[in-house]
Structures are given as structure tokens and as C-alpha cells.
N, C-alpha and C. Protein backbone atom coordinates (compact mmCIF):
# COMPACT_ATOMS: atom_id res chain seq x y z
N MET A 1 -6.35 -2.95 16.14
CA MET A 1 -6.31 -2.44 15.08
C MET A 1 -7.07 -2.35 14.67
N SER A 2 -7.33 -0.80 14.18
CA SER A 2 -8.88 -0.01 13.91
C SER A 2 -9.35 -0.56 12.64
N ALA A 3 -10.29 -0.71 12.23
CA ALA A 3 -10.84 -0.81 10.88
C ALA A 3 -10.11 0.05 9.76
N ALA A 4 -9.90 1.05 10.09
CA ALA A 4 -9.24 1.93 8.92
C ALA A 4 -7.74 1.28 8.96
N ASP A 5 -6.85 0.69 9.96
CA ASP A 5 -5.51 0.39 9.59
C ASP A 5 -5.86 -1.50 8.60
N GLU A 6 -7.34 -1.46 8.57
CA GLU A 6 -6.83 -3.45 7.95
C GLU A 6 -6.19 -3.07 6.28
N PRO A 7 -5.89 -4.26 6.07
CA PRO A 7 -4.96 -3.74 4.47
C PRO A 7 -6.21 -3.61 3.93
N GLY A 8 -6.32 -2.79 2.92
CA GLY A 8 -7.07 -2.47 1.76
C GLY A 8 -8.43 -1.35 1.99
N ASP A 9 -8.25 -1.42 3.25
CA ASP A 9 -9.13 -0.35 3.51
C ASP A 9 -8.50 1.05 3.33
N VAL A 10 -9.77 1.84 2.73
CA VAL A 10 -9.19 3.76 2.82
C VAL A 10 -10.32 4.72 3.48
N PRO A 11 -9.55 5.39 4.53
CA PRO A 11 -10.26 6.20 5.16
C PRO A 11 -11.15 6.80 4.67
N ALA A 12 -12.54 7.01 4.62
CA ALA A 12 -13.44 7.64 4.20
C ALA A 12 -12.96 9.00 3.70
N ALA A 13 -12.61 9.82 2.63
CA ALA A 13 -12.49 11.39 2.68
C ALA A 13 -13.95 12.05 3.09
N PRO A 14 -13.77 13.41 3.72
CA PRO A 14 -14.35 14.32 4.09
C PRO A 14 -15.48 14.21 2.93
N LEU A 15 -16.59 14.62 3.45
CA LEU A 15 -17.75 15.23 1.95
C LEU A 15 -17.54 17.11 2.78
N LEU A 16 -17.22 17.39 3.70
CA LEU A 16 -17.19 18.80 3.95
C LEU A 16 -16.60 19.05 5.14
N THR A 17 -15.75 20.10 5.24
CA THR A 17 -15.00 20.70 6.53
C THR A 17 -15.64 22.35 6.39
N ILE A 18 -16.01 22.40 7.34
CA ILE A 18 -16.18 24.19 8.02
C ILE A 18 -15.88 24.94 8.87
N ARG A 19 -15.50 25.52 8.75
CA ARG A 19 -15.39 26.88 10.56
C ARG A 19 -16.62 28.16 10.03
N VAL A 20 -17.04 27.71 11.06
CA VAL A 20 -18.24 29.26 10.96
C VAL A 20 -17.88 29.98 11.91
N SER A 21 -17.62 31.43 11.54
CA SER A 21 -17.19 32.60 12.12
C SER A 21 -18.76 33.16 12.81
N ARG A 22 -19.12 33.90 13.60
CA ARG A 22 -20.07 34.77 14.30
C ARG A 22 -19.84 36.12 14.49
N ASP A 23 -18.45 36.85 14.44
CA ASP A 23 -17.69 37.60 14.58
C ASP A 23 -17.29 38.43 13.22
N GLY A 24 -18.00 38.44 12.23
CA GLY A 24 -17.44 39.04 11.38
C GLY A 24 -16.12 38.63 10.53
N GLY A 25 -15.87 37.38 11.26
CA GLY A 25 -14.48 37.06 10.79
C GLY A 25 -13.20 37.21 11.40
N ARG A 26 -13.41 37.93 12.36
CA ARG A 26 -12.29 37.87 13.36
C ARG A 26 -11.57 36.86 14.20
N SER A 27 -12.81 35.59 14.22
CA SER A 27 -12.28 34.34 14.99
C SER A 27 -12.84 33.19 14.35
N TYR A 28 -12.70 31.90 14.27
CA TYR A 28 -13.13 31.10 14.02
C TYR A 28 -13.61 29.88 14.99
N GLY A 29 -14.71 29.07 14.34
CA GLY A 29 -15.07 28.09 15.92
C GLY A 29 -14.35 26.98 15.27
N PRO A 30 -14.05 25.48 16.42
CA PRO A 30 -13.78 24.45 15.64
C PRO A 30 -14.17 23.81 14.33
N PRO A 31 -13.23 23.61 13.48
CA PRO A 31 -13.32 22.78 12.16
C PRO A 31 -14.45 21.84 12.35
N VAL A 32 -16.09 21.58 12.00
CA VAL A 32 -16.85 20.42 11.43
C VAL A 32 -16.51 19.48 10.59
N THR A 33 -15.74 18.45 10.55
CA THR A 33 -15.95 17.39 9.22
C THR A 33 -17.60 16.86 8.88
N VAL A 34 -17.81 16.82 7.84
CA VAL A 34 -18.91 15.58 7.64
C VAL A 34 -18.24 14.62 7.13
N THR A 35 -18.35 13.26 6.78
CA THR A 35 -18.22 12.04 6.65
C THR A 35 -19.08 11.46 6.15
N PRO A 36 -18.52 9.99 4.87
CA PRO A 36 -20.02 9.72 4.48
C PRO A 36 -20.70 8.48 5.85
N GLU A 37 -19.42 8.29 7.06
CA GLU A 37 -20.40 7.47 7.95
C GLU A 37 -21.00 8.09 9.08
N ASP A 38 -20.85 9.62 8.82
CA ASP A 38 -21.83 10.19 9.64
C ASP A 38 -23.44 10.58 8.74
N LYS A 39 -23.70 9.92 7.58
CA LYS A 39 -24.79 9.49 7.16
C LYS A 39 -25.25 10.86 7.18
N PRO A 40 -25.47 12.10 6.38
CA PRO A 40 -25.73 12.80 6.32
C PRO A 40 -26.98 12.42 5.56
N GLU A 41 -28.06 13.23 6.34
CA GLU A 41 -29.34 13.02 4.97
C GLU A 41 -29.75 14.28 4.47
N PRO A 42 -30.09 14.19 2.94
CA PRO A 42 -30.21 14.87 1.96
C PRO A 42 -31.46 16.11 2.44
N MET A 43 -31.57 17.01 2.38
CA MET A 43 -32.86 18.50 2.46
C MET A 43 -33.57 17.81 1.71
N ALA A 44 -34.98 17.94 2.77
CA ALA A 44 -35.96 17.45 1.95
C ALA A 44 -36.77 18.53 0.95
N THR A 45 -36.36 19.68 0.93
CA THR A 45 -36.70 20.41 0.49
C THR A 45 -35.39 21.53 -0.40
N SER A 46 -35.76 22.44 -1.22
CA SER A 46 -34.77 23.26 -1.79
C SER A 46 -34.63 24.62 -0.77
N GLN A 47 -35.22 24.46 0.24
CA GLN A 47 -35.29 26.43 1.12
C GLN A 47 -33.98 26.25 1.33
N TRP A 48 -33.71 27.27 1.85
CA TRP A 48 -32.51 27.82 2.57
C TRP A 48 -33.04 29.02 2.66
N PRO A 49 -32.04 29.04 4.44
CA PRO A 49 -31.82 28.44 5.02
C PRO A 49 -33.06 27.46 5.56
N PRO A 50 -32.92 25.91 5.41
CA PRO A 50 -33.90 24.89 5.92
C PRO A 50 -34.37 26.02 7.50
N CYS A 51 -35.44 25.71 7.25
CA CYS A 51 -37.24 26.29 8.43
C CYS A 51 -36.83 25.52 10.07
N ARG A 52 -36.20 25.75 10.91
CA ARG A 52 -35.72 24.89 12.31
C ARG A 52 -37.46 25.13 13.13
N CYS A 53 -38.22 25.82 12.68
CA CYS A 53 -39.74 26.30 13.43
C CYS A 53 -40.45 24.87 13.75
N PRO A 54 -40.78 24.59 15.05
CA PRO A 54 -41.41 23.48 15.10
C PRO A 54 -42.52 22.56 13.96
N GLN A 55 -43.06 24.05 13.66
CA GLN A 55 -44.50 23.60 12.32
C GLN A 55 -43.54 22.69 11.20
N HIS A 56 -42.41 22.92 10.71
CA HIS A 56 -41.93 22.58 9.36
C HIS A 56 -40.62 21.83 9.88
N ARG A 57 -40.65 20.81 11.27
CA ARG A 57 -38.92 20.39 11.18
C ARG A 57 -39.65 18.57 10.39
């Protein structure tokens, strides 16, 4: 029996589910879901999109 099957346990609701198109909306990649168990880190700054260069990682 998994942890979600135990009495009283409710599976965590997704925080975000997203599908990304890289061709102008003609097709989409598979859905990616973020849940609380993934422990997403908050953004360090409000800069968007976040810089991924080696200097700012």
C-alpha cells in the first residue's frame, strides 16, 4: 500500500501543470506537473525570465 492509499491521507494537489509549445502552438510537449513533494525553490529575484548564465546561477 502506498502512502497515498493510507486512510486519512490525501494526495497533494498539483501546484502547476504546464505544456510547452515550441512551434507556435501547432504541437505541445507532454504535461509537466509540479507538486509540493517536488519542493520547488522560490525565485531568488523578480527578474523574468531568470538568467541561466554561469555568472548568475
